N, C-alpha and C. Protein backbone atom coordinates (compact mmCIF):
# COMPACT_ATOMS: atom_id res chain seq x y z
N UNK A 1 0.71 -1.32 -0.04
CA UNK A 1 0.05 -0.06 0.02
C UNK A 1 0.68 1.01 -0.07
N UNK A 2 0.31 2.28 -0.45
CA UNK A 2 1.01 3.59 -0.80
C UNK A 2 0.14 4.75 -0.04
N UNK A 3 0.76 5.32 0.79
CA UNK A 3 0.20 6.61 1.09
C UNK A 3 0.74 7.99 0.65
N UNK A 4 0.07 8.88 0.28
CA UNK A 4 0.31 10.03 -0.41
C UNK A 4 -0.09 11.42 0.57
N UNK A 5 0.80 12.19 0.72
CA UNK A 5 0.62 13.10 1.93
C UNK A 5 0.83 14.39 1.29
N UNK A 6 -0.40 15.43 0.77
CA UNK A 6 -0.22 16.39 0.44
C UNK A 6 -0.33 17.60 1.30
N UNK A 7 0.39 18.85 0.88
CA UNK A 7 0.54 20.12 1.25
C UNK A 7 0.31 21.05 0.42
N UNK A 8 -0.17 22.35 0.97
CA UNK A 8 -0.32 23.31 0.26
C UNK A 8 -1.62 23.73 -0.39
N UNK A 9 -1.82 24.68 -1.49
CA UNK A 9 -2.99 24.97 -1.66
C UNK A 9 -3.68 26.35 -1.00
N UNK A 10 -4.77 26.69 -1.27
CA UNK A 10 -5.33 27.64 -0.62
C UNK A 10 -6.03 28.69 -1.59
N UNK A 11 -6.07 29.79 -1.13
CA UNK A 11 -6.87 30.95 -1.95
C UNK A 11 -5.66 31.96 -2.50
N UNK A 12 -5.77 32.17 -3.72
CA UNK A 12 -4.92 33.23 -4.41
C UNK A 12 -5.58 34.31 -5.38
N UNK A 13 -5.02 35.38 -5.39
CA UNK A 13 -5.76 36.25 -6.48
C UNK A 13 -5.25 35.90 -7.74
N UNK A 14 -5.83 36.15 -8.90
CA UNK A 14 -5.60 35.94 -10.29
C UNK A 14 -4.20 36.40 -10.61
N UNK A 15 -3.17 35.87 -11.15
CA UNK A 15 -1.81 36.21 -11.55
C UNK A 15 -1.01 35.72 -10.37
N UNK A 16 -1.61 35.21 -9.24
CA UNK A 16 -0.55 35.08 -8.15
C UNK A 16 0.26 33.44 -8.38
N UNK A 17 0.94 33.19 -7.28
CA UNK A 17 1.34 31.63 -7.35
C UNK A 17 0.99 31.19 -5.99
N UNK A 18 1.27 29.60 -6.20
CA UNK A 18 0.80 28.83 -5.11
C UNK A 18 1.79 27.55 -5.30
N UNK A 19 2.07 26.88 -4.35
CA UNK A 19 2.91 25.72 -4.38
C UNK A 19 2.42 24.85 -3.68
N UNK A 20 2.53 23.29 -4.18
CA UNK A 20 1.69 22.16 -3.59
C UNK A 20 3.13 21.24 -3.42
N UNK A 21 2.85 20.38 -2.40
CA UNK A 21 3.93 19.48 -2.43
C UNK A 21 3.21 17.84 -1.78
N UNK A 22 3.81 17.18 -2.33
CA UNK A 22 3.25 15.63 -2.08
C UNK A 22 4.41 14.68 -1.81
N UNK A 23 4.25 14.03 -0.62
CA UNK A 23 5.29 12.76 -0.37
C UNK A 23 4.73 11.52 -0.30
N UNK A 24 5.25 10.26 -0.78
CA UNK A 24 4.96 9.17 -0.83
C UNK A 24 5.82 8.11 -0.13
N UNK A 25 4.89 7.29 0.60
CA UNK A 25 5.31 6.54 1.57
C UNK A 25 4.77 4.85 1.52
N UNK A 26 5.43 3.93 1.71
CA UNK A 26 4.68 2.62 1.87
C UNK A 26 5.75 1.79 0.85
N UNK A 27 4.86 0.96 0.21
CA UNK A 27 5.30 -0.13 -0.75
C UNK A 27 5.26 0.52 -2.25
N UNK A 28 6.28 1.32 -2.42
CA UNK A 28 6.30 2.25 -3.80
C UNK A 28 6.98 1.13 -4.80
N UNK A 29 6.39 1.18 -6.04
CA UNK A 29 6.88 0.50 -7.06
C UNK A 29 8.10 1.27 -7.43
N UNK A 30 8.98 0.36 -8.00
CA UNK A 30 10.37 0.70 -8.15
C UNK A 30 10.27 1.82 -9.49
N UNK A 31 9.68 1.43 -10.44
CA UNK A 31 9.57 2.39 -11.72
C UNK A 31 8.29 3.06 -11.61
N UNK A 32 7.99 4.22 -11.28
CA UNK A 32 6.99 4.90 -11.03
C UNK A 32 6.91 6.44 -11.70
N UNK A 33 5.48 6.70 -11.75
CA UNK A 33 5.48 8.38 -12.03
C UNK A 33 4.81 8.99 -10.79
N UNK A 34 4.76 10.24 -10.85
CA UNK A 34 4.18 11.02 -9.67
C UNK A 34 3.91 12.26 -10.27
N UNK A 35 2.67 12.58 -9.86
CA UNK A 35 2.21 13.83 -10.26
C UNK A 35 0.86 14.62 -9.82
N UNK A 36 0.31 15.43 -10.54
CA UNK A 36 -0.96 16.06 -9.87
C UNK A 36 -2.05 15.89 -11.25
N UNK A 37 -2.96 15.50 -10.72
CA UNK A 37 -4.34 15.84 -11.42
C UNK A 37 -5.47 16.84 -10.79
N UNK A 38 -6.41 17.35 -11.59
CA UNK A 38 -7.23 18.18 -10.99
C UNK A 38 -8.60 17.95 -11.33
N UNK A 39 -9.50 18.40 -10.49
CA UNK A 39 -11.06 18.05 -10.87
C UNK A 39 -11.75 19.57 -10.33
N UNK A 40 -12.25 20.40 -11.22
CA UNK A 40 -13.19 21.38 -10.90
C UNK A 40 -14.75 21.00 -11.16
N UNK A 41 -15.42 21.46 -10.27
CA UNK A 41 -17.08 21.05 -10.13
C UNK A 41 -17.56 20.78 -11.51
N UNK A 42 -18.29 19.91 -11.77
CA UNK A 42 -19.09 19.63 -12.88
C UNK A 42 -17.90 19.34 -14.12
N UNK A 43 -16.52 18.96 -13.82
CA UNK A 43 -15.77 18.82 -14.77
C UNK A 43 -15.26 17.32 -14.63
N UNK A 44 -14.54 16.67 -15.41
CA UNK A 44 -13.87 15.37 -15.17
C UNK A 44 -12.44 15.83 -14.94
N UNK A 45 -12.02 14.63 -14.38
CA UNK A 45 -10.76 15.01 -13.52
C UNK A 45 -9.65 14.88 -14.82
N UNK A 46 -8.51 15.89 -14.71
CA UNK A 46 -7.68 16.30 -15.75
C UNK A 46 -6.27 16.10 -15.38
N UNK A 47 -5.33 15.60 -16.16
CA UNK A 47 -3.74 15.69 -15.99
C UNK A 47 -3.16 17.29 -15.89
N UNK A 48 -2.33 17.44 -14.92
CA UNK A 48 -1.92 18.59 -14.79
C UNK A 48 -0.48 18.65 -15.04
N UNK A 49 0.32 17.92 -14.31
CA UNK A 49 1.68 17.39 -14.57
C UNK A 49 2.05 16.23 -14.12
N UNK A 50 2.88 15.58 -14.57
CA UNK A 50 3.35 14.13 -14.30
C UNK A 50 4.79 14.09 -14.54
N UNK A 51 5.86 13.41 -13.68
CA UNK A 51 6.94 13.23 -13.80
C UNK A 51 7.49 11.82 -13.17
N UNK A 52 8.21 10.96 -14.08
CA UNK A 52 8.59 9.89 -13.99
C UNK A 52 9.75 9.66 -12.91
N UNK A 53 10.28 8.56 -12.23
CA UNK A 53 11.35 8.70 -11.60
C UNK A 53 12.55 8.62 -12.61
N UNK A 54 12.45 8.52 -13.82
CA UNK A 54 13.51 8.43 -14.97
C UNK A 54 13.61 9.86 -15.42
N UNK A 55 12.51 10.76 -15.24
CA UNK A 55 12.88 12.26 -15.54
C UNK A 55 11.93 12.49 -16.50
N UNK A 56 11.00 11.79 -17.07
CA UNK A 56 10.01 11.98 -18.35
C UNK A 56 9.19 12.81 -17.35
N UNK A 57 8.82 14.11 -18.26
CA UNK A 57 7.74 14.99 -17.53
C UNK A 57 6.79 15.22 -18.63
N UNK A 58 5.49 15.47 -18.44
CA UNK A 58 4.40 15.80 -19.05
C UNK A 58 3.38 17.08 -18.41
N UNK A 59 3.05 17.47 -19.25
CA UNK A 59 2.05 18.73 -18.82
C UNK A 59 0.79 18.70 -19.36
N UNK A 60 -0.06 19.25 -18.71
CA UNK A 60 -1.31 19.43 -19.48
C UNK A 60 -1.25 20.73 -20.36
N UNK A 61 -2.09 20.75 -21.50
CA UNK A 61 -1.95 21.92 -22.38
C UNK A 61 -2.05 23.29 -21.64
N UNK A 62 -3.03 23.25 -20.79
CA UNK A 62 -3.56 24.66 -20.08
C UNK A 62 -2.96 25.07 -19.05
N UNK A 63 -1.73 24.25 -18.66
CA UNK A 63 -1.01 24.92 -17.71
C UNK A 63 0.65 24.95 -18.04
N UNK A 64 1.05 24.48 -19.55
CA UNK A 64 2.17 24.69 -20.06
C UNK A 64 2.79 26.06 -20.05
N UNK A 65 4.02 26.18 -19.38
CA UNK A 65 4.58 27.54 -19.61
C UNK A 65 4.14 28.19 -17.98
N UNK A 66 3.20 27.69 -17.34
CA UNK A 66 2.92 28.39 -16.11
C UNK A 66 3.11 27.66 -14.87
N UNK A 67 3.21 26.40 -14.94
CA UNK A 67 3.15 25.16 -13.88
C UNK A 67 4.44 24.57 -14.05
N UNK A 68 5.06 24.23 -13.05
CA UNK A 68 6.46 23.57 -13.11
C UNK A 68 6.63 22.43 -12.06
N UNK A 69 6.65 21.20 -12.52
CA UNK A 69 6.83 19.89 -11.46
C UNK A 69 8.01 19.80 -11.50
N UNK A 70 8.51 19.44 -10.18
CA UNK A 70 9.79 19.23 -9.79
C UNK A 70 9.92 18.03 -8.68
N UNK A 71 10.72 16.89 -9.22
CA UNK A 71 10.97 15.65 -8.41
C UNK A 71 12.46 15.48 -8.77
N UNK A 72 13.14 15.51 -7.34
CA UNK A 72 14.40 15.21 -7.33
C UNK A 72 14.88 13.54 -7.32
N UNK A 73 15.70 13.37 -8.12
CA UNK A 73 16.23 12.16 -8.35
C UNK A 73 16.41 11.22 -6.99
N UNK A 74 15.75 10.39 -6.97
CA UNK A 74 15.88 9.40 -5.87
C UNK A 74 15.08 9.49 -4.69
N UNK A 75 14.24 10.68 -4.83
CA UNK A 75 13.17 10.98 -3.87
C UNK A 75 11.76 10.72 -4.35
N UNK A 76 10.73 10.49 -3.51
CA UNK A 76 9.35 10.20 -3.56
C UNK A 76 8.58 11.35 -3.11
N UNK A 77 9.12 12.53 -3.62
CA UNK A 77 8.26 13.75 -3.29
C UNK A 77 8.33 14.69 -4.51
N UNK A 78 7.23 15.02 -4.82
CA UNK A 78 7.11 15.77 -5.95
C UNK A 78 6.41 17.29 -5.78
N UNK A 79 6.65 18.08 -6.08
CA UNK A 79 6.48 19.64 -6.15
C UNK A 79 5.60 20.23 -7.22
N UNK A 80 4.65 21.08 -6.81
CA UNK A 80 3.81 21.69 -8.29
C UNK A 80 4.31 23.40 -7.80
N UNK A 81 4.81 23.85 -8.71
CA UNK A 81 4.89 25.45 -8.73
C UNK A 81 3.67 25.91 -9.65
N UNK A 82 2.88 26.69 -9.26
CA UNK A 82 1.95 27.14 -9.89
C UNK A 82 2.00 28.76 -10.11
N UNK A 83 2.45 29.30 -11.09
CA UNK A 83 2.46 30.49 -11.39
C UNK A 83 1.51 31.10 -12.28
N UNK A 84 1.26 32.56 -12.41
CA UNK A 84 0.33 33.04 -13.35
C UNK A 84 -1.05 32.47 -13.09
N UNK A 85 -1.52 31.99 -12.05
CA UNK A 85 -2.82 31.45 -11.73
C UNK A 85 -4.06 32.28 -12.37
N UNK A 86 -4.87 31.52 -13.09
CA UNK A 86 -6.03 32.11 -13.44
C UNK A 86 -7.32 31.51 -12.62
N UNK A 87 -8.43 32.36 -12.74
CA UNK A 87 -9.86 31.65 -12.02
C UNK A 87 -10.18 30.12 -12.51
N UNK A 88 -9.75 29.93 -13.89
CA UNK A 88 -9.96 28.59 -14.25
C UNK A 88 -9.03 27.39 -13.88
N UNK A 89 -8.13 28.07 -13.03
CA UNK A 89 -7.17 26.70 -12.30
C UNK A 89 -7.96 26.52 -11.26
N UNK A 90 -9.03 26.99 -10.70
CA UNK A 90 -9.58 26.66 -9.32
C UNK A 90 -10.20 25.25 -9.42
N UNK A 91 -9.79 24.44 -8.27
CA UNK A 91 -10.38 22.97 -8.57
C UNK A 91 -9.53 22.38 -7.34
N UNK A 92 -9.91 21.11 -7.20
CA UNK A 92 -9.40 20.45 -6.13
C UNK A 92 -8.18 19.49 -6.73
N UNK A 93 -6.91 19.66 -6.40
CA UNK A 93 -5.77 18.89 -7.12
C UNK A 93 -5.26 17.74 -6.26
N UNK A 94 -5.09 16.90 -6.89
CA UNK A 94 -4.85 15.37 -6.32
C UNK A 94 -3.43 14.77 -6.78
N UNK A 95 -2.80 14.38 -6.06
CA UNK A 95 -1.52 13.97 -5.92
C UNK A 95 -1.68 12.70 -6.54
N UNK A 96 -1.16 12.21 -7.34
CA UNK A 96 -1.10 10.57 -7.52
C UNK A 96 0.57 9.99 -8.06
N UNK A 97 0.34 8.78 -7.55
CA UNK A 97 1.82 7.76 -8.00
C UNK A 97 0.99 6.57 -8.67
N UNK A 98 1.90 6.30 -9.69
CA UNK A 98 1.36 5.14 -10.45
C UNK A 98 2.70 4.31 -11.09
N UNK A 99 2.21 3.08 -11.09
CA UNK A 99 3.29 2.20 -11.62
C UNK A 99 3.69 2.06 -13.07
N UNK A 100 4.73 2.27 -13.55
CA UNK A 100 5.03 2.28 -15.11
C UNK A 100 4.65 0.83 -15.38
N UNK A 101 4.06 0.87 -16.52
CA UNK A 101 3.78 -0.74 -17.02
C UNK A 101 2.73 -1.51 -16.18
N UNK A 102 2.28 -1.01 -15.10
CA UNK A 102 1.33 -1.65 -14.33
C UNK A 102 0.09 -1.04 -13.88
N UNK A 103 -0.79 -1.52 -13.06
CA UNK A 103 -2.09 -1.17 -13.01
C UNK A 103 -2.44 -0.35 -11.87
N UNK A 104 -1.30 -0.31 -11.08
CA UNK A 104 -1.62 0.31 -9.73
C UNK A 104 -1.43 1.70 -9.84
N UNK A 105 -2.31 2.44 -9.26
CA UNK A 105 -2.45 3.81 -9.31
C UNK A 105 -2.88 4.20 -8.10
N UNK A 106 -2.43 5.36 -7.08
CA UNK A 106 -2.70 5.71 -5.79
C UNK A 106 -2.98 7.16 -5.95
N UNK A 107 -3.93 7.75 -5.02
CA UNK A 107 -4.34 9.04 -4.95
C UNK A 107 -4.30 9.55 -3.57
N UNK A 108 -3.99 10.80 -3.72
CA UNK A 108 -3.93 11.77 -2.22
C UNK A 108 -5.48 12.11 -2.02
N UNK A 109 -5.67 12.61 -0.83
CA UNK A 109 -6.89 12.99 -0.67
C UNK A 109 -7.52 14.42 -1.10
N UNK A 110 -6.41 15.09 -1.86
CA UNK A 110 -6.97 16.19 -2.66
C UNK A 110 -6.67 17.51 -1.64
N UNK A 111 -6.11 18.49 -2.27
CA UNK A 111 -6.07 19.87 -1.41
C UNK A 111 -6.93 21.04 -2.57
N UNK A 112 -7.58 21.72 -2.01
CA UNK A 112 -8.42 22.91 -2.71
C UNK A 112 -7.66 24.04 -3.25
N UNK A 113 -7.61 24.43 -4.24
CA UNK A 113 -6.65 25.73 -4.73
C UNK A 113 -7.83 26.29 -5.35
N UNK A 114 -8.09 27.60 -5.12
CA UNK A 114 -9.18 28.72 -5.45
C UNK A 114 -8.45 29.77 -5.78
N UNK A 115 -8.78 30.15 -6.99
CA UNK A 115 -7.90 31.61 -7.72
C UNK A 115 -9.27 32.57 -8.03
N UNK A 116 -9.23 33.52 -6.94
CA UNK A 116 -10.36 34.45 -7.15
C UNK A 116 -9.92 36.05 -6.54
N UNK A 117 -10.47 36.75 -7.21
CA UNK A 117 -10.13 38.23 -6.45
C UNK A 117 -11.02 38.53 -5.52
């Protein structure tokens, strides 16, 4: 079993910045990816950013150039730096860890990010 502990989030004005962090513990698959998804009210969950422990990174189209995912080699902690935030970034952000080539996917409890004036 894998546990994901998230922190960060909150309320920020448009154009501002926030950061999220997530640490994984437990029986972590050797080859894995970690990252963030988000879900706004009435919408499907969408991928924000992911990074494998081999260094491969992927961003959702709506956040490219504004968000940065950081994952230090050898560490099961991932950070999401969110800059130039927009009201449409408002959502519950979920940390995820998934096994590469496998079916195991784990989710954090979610943290609220609200972008509003």
